[in-house]
Amino acid sequence: MTLTWESSYAIAMELRRRHNPVRLEEVSLGQILTWTLDLPEFEDDPALANDDILYSIYQDWFEENIHGK
């Protein structure tokens, strides 16, 4: 499966799997960027990343942690 910036939910789930347990309150958008770029499945232009995209990934990850899925 190829991940792009449009795959915020899939990225969030992969980061959750790889970085569990992590205190999301301590995760920065910069860390999300670095961790996303490190995913072997990620294939998009790093220059397209912005705070809105990174926050969307964070939010998907956070909501999944709250709902316990």
PDB file of N, CA and C in Angstrom:
ATOM      1  N   MET A   1       0.848  -1.177   0.000  1.00  0.00           N
ATOM      2  CA  MET A   1       0.000   0.000   0.000  1.00  0.00           C
ATOM      3  C   MET A   1       0.896   1.243   0.000  1.00  0.00           C
ATOM      4  N   THR A   2       0.612   2.158  -0.899  1.00  0.00           N
ATOM      5  CA  THR A   2       1.349   3.412  -0.984  1.00  0.00           C
ATOM      6  C   THR A   2       0.620   4.483  -0.167  1.00  0.00           C
ATOM      7  N   LEU A   3       1.369   5.222   0.623  1.00  0.00           N
ATOM      8  CA  LEU A   3       0.809   6.313   1.417  1.00  0.00           C
ATOM      9  C   LEU A   3       1.226   7.651   0.820  1.00  0.00           C
ATOM     10  N   THR A   4       0.270   8.579   0.778  1.00  0.00           N
ATOM     11  CA  THR A   4       0.531   9.947   0.343  1.00  0.00           C
ATOM     12  C   THR A   4      -0.051  10.889   1.393  1.00  0.00           C
ATOM     13  N   TRP A   5       0.166  12.168   1.223  1.00  0.00           N
ATOM     14  CA  TRP A   5      -0.365  13.141   2.179  1.00  0.00           C
ATOM     15  C   TRP A   5      -1.885  13.083   2.257  1.00  0.00           C
ATOM     16  N   GLU A   6      -2.537  12.611   1.211  1.00  0.00           N
ATOM     17  CA  GLU A   6      -4.000  12.485   1.224  1.00  0.00           C
ATOM     18  C   GLU A   6      -4.468  11.309   2.077  1.00  0.00           C
ATOM     19  N   SER A   7      -3.542  10.472   2.506  1.00  0.00           N
ATOM     20  CA  SER A   7      -3.857   9.272   3.287  1.00  0.00           C
ATOM     21  C   SER A   7      -3.675   9.521   4.782  1.00  0.00           C
ATOM     22  N   SER A   8      -4.193  10.618   5.283  1.00  0.00           N
ATOM     23  CA  SER A   8      -3.905  10.994   6.671  1.00  0.00           C
ATOM     24  C   SER A   8      -4.341   9.921   7.663  1.00  0.00           C
ATOM     25  N   TYR A   9      -5.505   9.311   7.455  1.00  0.00           N
ATOM     26  CA  TYR A   9      -5.971   8.290   8.388  1.00  0.00           C
ATOM     27  C   TYR A   9      -5.046   7.066   8.348  1.00  0.00           C
ATOM     28  N   ALA A  10      -4.700   6.607   7.166  1.00  0.00           N
ATOM     29  CA  ALA A  10      -3.821   5.442   7.032  1.00  0.00           C
ATOM     30  C   ALA A  10      -2.444   5.734   7.622  1.00  0.00           C
ATOM     31  N   ILE A  11      -1.947   6.934   7.412  1.00  0.00           N
ATOM     32  CA  ILE A  11      -0.662   7.320   8.010  1.00  0.00           C
ATOM     33  C   ILE A  11      -0.775   7.303   9.526  1.00  0.00           C
ATOM     34  N   ALA A  12      -1.847   7.882  10.047  1.00  0.00           N
ATOM     35  CA  ALA A  12      -2.049   7.913  11.498  1.00  0.00           C
ATOM     36  C   ALA A  12      -2.076   6.509  12.080  1.00  0.00           C
ATOM     37  N   MET A  13      -2.754   5.586  11.407  1.00  0.00           N
ATOM     38  CA  MET A  13      -2.840   4.213  11.914  1.00  0.00           C
ATOM     39  C   MET A  13      -1.478   3.517  11.869  1.00  0.00           C
ATOM     40  N   GLU A  14      -0.700   3.797  10.849  1.00  0.00           N
ATOM     41  CA  GLU A  14       0.628   3.194  10.761  1.00  0.00           C
ATOM     42  C   GLU A  14       1.559   3.788  11.826  1.00  0.00           C
ATOM     43  N   LEU A  15       1.480   5.091  12.038  1.00  0.00           N
ATOM     44  CA  LEU A  15       2.292   5.718  13.088  1.00  0.00           C
ATOM     45  C   LEU A  15       1.875   5.194  14.461  1.00  0.00           C
ATOM     46  N   ARG A  16       0.587   5.026  14.653  1.00  0.00           N
ATOM     47  CA  ARG A  16       0.083   4.488  15.921  1.00  0.00           C
ATOM     48  C   ARG A  16       0.637   3.084  16.156  1.00  0.00           C
ATOM     49  N   ARG A  17       0.652   2.278  15.113  1.00  0.00           N
ATOM     50  CA  ARG A  17       1.164   0.918  15.230  1.00  0.00           C
ATOM     51  C   ARG A  17       2.662   0.922  15.546  1.00  0.00           C
ATOM     52  N   ARG A  18       3.406   1.785  14.885  1.00  0.00           N
ATOM     53  CA  ARG A  18       4.867   1.805  15.038  1.00  0.00           C
ATOM     54  C   ARG A  18       5.347   2.522  16.299  1.00  0.00           C
ATOM     55  N   HIS A  19       4.570   3.476  16.779  1.00  0.00           N
ATOM     56  CA  HIS A  19       5.015   4.300  17.911  1.00  0.00           C
ATOM     57  C   HIS A  19       4.059   4.182  19.090  1.00  0.00           C
ATOM     58  N   ASN A  20       3.633   2.969  19.356  1.00  0.00           N
ATOM     59  CA  ASN A  20       2.727   2.733  20.463  1.00  0.00           C
ATOM     60  C   ASN A  20       3.512   2.037  21.562  1.00  0.00           C
ATOM     61  N   PRO A  21       3.495   2.401  22.783  1.00  0.00           N
ATOM     62  CA  PRO A  21       2.757   3.542  23.300  1.00  0.00           C
ATOM     63  C   PRO A  21       3.589   4.830  23.249  1.00  0.00           C
ATOM     64  N   VAL A  22       2.938   5.884  22.917  1.00  0.00           N
ATOM     65  CA  VAL A  22       3.560   7.200  22.947  1.00  0.00           C
ATOM     66  C   VAL A  22       2.511   8.159  23.506  1.00  0.00           C
ATOM     67  N   ARG A  23       2.962   9.117  24.260  1.00  0.00           N
ATOM     68  CA  ARG A  23       2.040  10.129  24.788  1.00  0.00           C
ATOM     69  C   ARG A  23       1.839  11.181  23.702  1.00  0.00           C
ATOM     70  N   LEU A  24       0.663  11.181  23.114  1.00  0.00           N
ATOM     71  CA  LEU A  24       0.406  12.099  22.003  1.00  0.00           C
ATOM     72  C   LEU A  24       0.551  13.562  22.402  1.00  0.00           C
ATOM     73  N   GLU A  25       0.335  13.849  23.672  1.00  0.00           N
ATOM     74  CA  GLU A  25       0.482  15.227  24.142  1.00  0.00           C
ATOM     75  C   GLU A  25       1.916  15.719  23.990  1.00  0.00           C
ATOM     76  N   GLU A  26       2.848  14.776  23.876  1.00  0.00           N
ATOM     77  CA  GLU A  26       4.257  15.127  23.760  1.00  0.00           C
ATOM     78  C   GLU A  26       4.789  15.032  22.331  1.00  0.00           C
ATOM     79  N   VAL A  27       3.925  14.674  21.395  1.00  0.00           N
ATOM     80  CA  VAL A  27       4.334  14.517  19.996  1.00  0.00           C
ATOM     81  C   VAL A  27       4.147  15.846  19.270  1.00  0.00           C
ATOM     82  N   SER A  28       5.186  16.295  18.598  1.00  0.00           N
ATOM     83  CA  SER A  28       5.109  17.549  17.843  1.00  0.00           C
ATOM     84  C   SER A  28       4.763  17.270  16.380  1.00  0.00           C
ATOM     85  N   LEU A  29       4.336  18.292  15.688  1.00  0.00           N
ATOM     86  CA  LEU A  29       4.080  18.143  14.259  1.00  0.00           C
ATOM     87  C   LEU A  29       5.369  17.797  13.523  1.00  0.00           C
ATOM     88  N   GLY A  30       6.489  18.299  14.011  1.00  0.00           N
ATOM     89  CA  GLY A  30       7.787  17.965  13.425  1.00  0.00           C
ATOM     90  C   GLY A  30       8.090  16.478  13.540  1.00  0.00           C
ATOM     91  N   GLN A  31       7.739  15.885  14.680  1.00  0.00           N
ATOM     92  CA  GLN A  31       7.940  14.443  14.845  1.00  0.00           C
ATOM     93  C   GLN A  31       7.039  13.666  13.896  1.00  0.00           C
ATOM     94  N   ILE A  32       5.802  14.108  13.753  1.00  0.00           N
ATOM     95  CA  ILE A  32       4.879  13.436  12.832  1.00  0.00           C
ATOM     96  C   ILE A  32       5.435  13.504  11.416  1.00  0.00           C
ATOM     97  N   LEU A  33       5.976  14.650  11.032  1.00  0.00           N
ATOM     98  CA  LEU A  33       6.582  14.784   9.706  1.00  0.00           C
ATOM     99  C   LEU A  33       7.734  13.792   9.538  1.00  0.00           C
ATOM    100  N   THR A  34       8.649  13.775  10.492  1.00  0.00           N
ATOM    101  CA  THR A  34       9.806  12.880  10.412  1.00  0.00           C
ATOM    102  C   THR A  34       9.371  11.427  10.375  1.00  0.00           C
ATOM    103  N   TRP A  35       8.480  11.042  11.259  1.00  0.00           N
ATOM    104  CA  TRP A  35       8.024   9.659  11.317  1.00  0.00           C
ATOM    105  C   TRP A  35       7.299   9.257  10.027  1.00  0.00           C
ATOM    106  N   THR A  36       6.513  10.172   9.472  1.00  0.00           N
ATOM    107  CA  THR A  36       5.800   9.883   8.227  1.00  0.00           C
ATOM    108  C   THR A  36       6.784   9.670   7.081  1.00  0.00           C
ATOM    109  N   LEU A  37       7.762  10.549   6.971  1.00  0.00           N
ATOM    110  CA  LEU A  37       8.756  10.415   5.905  1.00  0.00           C
ATOM    111  C   LEU A  37       9.575   9.138   6.043  1.00  0.00           C
ATOM    112  N   ASP A  38       9.693   8.621   7.259  1.00  0.00           N
ATOM    113  CA  ASP A  38      10.431   7.391   7.507  1.00  0.00           C
ATOM    114  C   ASP A  38       9.641   6.126   7.170  1.00  0.00           C
ATOM    115  N   LEU A  39       8.337   6.256   6.946  1.00  0.00           N
ATOM    116  CA  LEU A  39       7.528   5.075   6.629  1.00  0.00           C
ATOM    117  C   LEU A  39       7.924   4.539   5.257  1.00  0.00           C
ATOM    118  N   PRO A  40       8.237   3.256   5.152  1.00  0.00           N
ATOM    119  CA  PRO A  40       8.642   2.697   3.860  1.00  0.00           C
ATOM    120  C   PRO A  40       7.548   2.800   2.797  1.00  0.00           C
ATOM    121  N   GLU A  41       6.288   2.831   3.231  1.00  0.00           N
ATOM    122  CA  GLU A  41       5.169   2.895   2.296  1.00  0.00           C
ATOM    123  C   GLU A  41       4.877   4.316   1.808  1.00  0.00           C
ATOM    124  N   PHE A  42       5.511   5.309   2.442  1.00  0.00           N
ATOM    125  CA  PHE A  42       5.218   6.699   2.095  1.00  0.00           C
ATOM    126  C   PHE A  42       5.947   7.092   0.821  1.00  0.00           C
ATOM    127  N   GLU A  43       5.171   7.587  -0.138  1.00  0.00           N
ATOM    128  CA  GLU A  43       5.728   7.992  -1.430  1.00  0.00           C
ATOM    129  C   GLU A  43       5.068   9.283  -1.916  1.00  0.00           C
ATOM    130  N   ASP A  44       5.438  10.382  -1.303  1.00  0.00           N
ATOM    131  CA  ASP A  44       4.919  11.679  -1.726  1.00  0.00           C
ATOM    132  C   ASP A  44       6.016  12.714  -1.519  1.00  0.00           C
ATOM    133  N   ASP A  45       5.789  13.880  -2.054  1.00  0.00           N
ATOM    134  CA  ASP A  45       6.767  14.961  -1.990  1.00  0.00           C
ATOM    135  C   ASP A  45       6.781  15.572  -0.583  1.00  0.00           C
ATOM    136  N   PRO A  46       7.890  15.498   0.132  1.00  0.00           N
ATOM    137  CA  PRO A  46       7.955  16.093   1.464  1.00  0.00           C
ATOM    138  C   PRO A  46       7.659  17.588   1.469  1.00  0.00           C
ATOM    139  N   ALA A  47       7.929  18.255   0.375  1.00  0.00           N
ATOM    140  CA  ALA A  47       7.704  19.703   0.298  1.00  0.00           C
ATOM    141  C   ALA A  47       6.218  20.054   0.345  1.00  0.00           C
ATOM    142  N   LEU A  48       5.351  19.085   0.104  1.00  0.00           N
ATOM    143  CA  LEU A  48       3.905  19.344   0.134  1.00  0.00           C
ATOM    144  C   LEU A  48       3.332  19.341   1.545  1.00  0.00           C
ATOM    145  N   ALA A  49       4.112  18.896   2.500  1.00  0.00           N
ATOM    146  CA  ALA A  49       3.641  18.851   3.891  1.00  0.00           C
ATOM    147  C   ALA A  49       3.409  20.258   4.414  1.00  0.00           C
ATOM    148  N   ASN A  50       2.353  20.393   5.194  1.00  0.00           N
ATOM    149  CA  ASN A  50       2.084  21.660   5.864  1.00  0.00           C
ATOM    150  C   ASN A  50       1.420  21.355   7.204  1.00  0.00           C
ATOM    151  N   ASP A  51       1.236  22.368   8.019  1.00  0.00           N
ATOM    152  CA  ASP A  51       0.679  22.163   9.357  1.00  0.00           C
ATOM    153  C   ASP A  51      -0.718  21.556   9.313  1.00  0.00           C
ATOM    154  N   ASP A  52      -1.536  21.931   8.327  1.00  0.00           N
ATOM    155  CA  ASP A  52      -2.890  21.386   8.241  1.00  0.00           C
ATOM    156  C   ASP A  52      -2.868  19.877   8.013  1.00  0.00           C
ATOM    157  N   ILE A  53      -2.018  19.416   7.116  1.00  0.00           N
ATOM    158  CA  ILE A  53      -1.905  17.979   6.833  1.00  0.00           C
ATOM    159  C   ILE A  53      -1.384  17.244   8.069  1.00  0.00           C
ATOM    160  N   LEU A  54      -0.347  17.773   8.673  1.00  0.00           N
ATOM    161  CA  LEU A  54       0.246  17.118   9.836  1.00  0.00           C
ATOM    162  C   LEU A  54      -0.723  17.095  11.010  1.00  0.00           C
ATOM    163  N   TYR A  55      -1.477  18.172  11.175  1.00  0.00           N
ATOM    164  CA  TYR A  55      -2.465  18.202  12.247  1.00  0.00           C
ATOM    165  C   TYR A  55      -3.589  17.199  11.978  1.00  0.00           C
ATOM    166  N   SER A  56      -3.958  17.026  10.723  1.00  0.00           N
ATOM    167  CA  SER A  56      -4.979  16.042  10.368  1.00  0.00           C
ATOM    168  C   SER A  56      -4.521  14.631  10.749  1.00  0.00           C
ATOM    169  N   ILE A  57      -3.266  14.321  10.498  1.00  0.00           N
ATOM    170  CA  ILE A  57      -2.705  13.024  10.896  1.00  0.00           C
ATOM    171  C   ILE A  57      -2.760  12.889  12.418  1.00  0.00           C
ATOM    172  N   TYR A  58      -2.328  13.935  13.108  1.00  0.00           N
ATOM    173  CA  TYR A  58      -2.347  13.930  14.571  1.00  0.00           C
ATOM    174  C   TYR A  58      -3.767  13.712  15.084  1.00  0.00           C
ATOM    175  N   GLN A  59      -4.706  14.431  14.510  1.00  0.00           N
ATOM    176  CA  GLN A  59      -6.095  14.350  14.959  1.00  0.00           C
ATOM    177  C   GLN A  59      -6.669  12.943  14.737  1.00  0.00           C
ATOM    178  N   ASP A  60      -6.401  12.341  13.587  1.00  0.00           N
ATOM    179  CA  ASP A  60      -6.869  10.978  13.328  1.00  0.00           C
ATOM    180  C   ASP A  60      -6.280  10.017  14.356  1.00  0.00           C
ATOM    181  N   TRP A  61      -5.005  10.154  14.637  1.00  0.00           N
ATOM    182  CA  TRP A  61      -4.324   9.303  15.611  1.00  0.00           C
ATOM    183  C   TRP A  61      -4.938   9.498  16.998  1.00  0.00           C
ATOM    184  N   PHE A  62      -5.128  10.751  17.380  1.00  0.00           N
ATOM    185  CA  PHE A  62      -5.687  11.081  18.689  1.00  0.00           C
ATOM    186  C   PHE A  62      -7.088  10.496  18.842  1.00  0.00           C
ATOM    187  N   GLU A  63      -7.930  10.675  17.840  1.00  0.00           N
ATOM    188  CA  GLU A  63      -9.311  10.171  17.913  1.00  0.00           C
ATOM    189  C   GLU A  63      -9.346   8.648  17.996  1.00  0.00           C
ATOM    190  N   GLU A  64      -8.472   7.983  17.295  1.00  0.00           N
ATOM    191  CA  GLU A  64      -8.419   6.522  17.380  1.00  0.00           C
ATOM    192  C   GLU A  64      -7.992   6.080  18.779  1.00  0.00           C
ATOM    193  N   ASN A  65      -7.099   6.805  19.393  1.00  0.00           N
ATOM    194  CA  ASN A  65      -6.683   6.470  20.763  1.00  0.00           C
ATOM    195  C   ASN A  65      -7.831   6.670  21.747  1.00  0.00           C
ATOM    196  N   ILE A  66      -8.609   7.705  21.558  1.00  0.00           N
ATOM    197  CA  ILE A  66      -9.731   7.979  22.450  1.00  0.00           C
ATOM    198  C   ILE A  66     -10.815   6.916  22.310  1.00  0.00           C
ATOM    199  N   HIS A  67     -11.110   6.543  21.077  1.00  0.00           N
ATOM    200  CA  HIS A  67     -12.190   5.602  20.828  1.00  0.00           C
ATOM    201  C   HIS A  67     -11.748   4.147  20.979  1.00  0.00           C
ATOM    202  N   GLY A  68     -10.460   3.943  21.196  1.00  0.00           N
ATOM    203  CA  GLY A  68      -9.938   2.629  21.498  1.00  0.00           C
ATOM    204  C   GLY A  68     -10.009   1.597  20.399  1.00  0.00           C
ATOM    205  N   LYS A  69      -9.977   2.047  19.189  1.00  0.00           N
ATOM    206  CA  LYS A  69     -10.045   1.104  18.077  1.00  0.00           C
ATOM    207  C   LYS A  69      -8.687   0.542  17.763  1.00  0.00           C
TER     208      LYS A  69
END
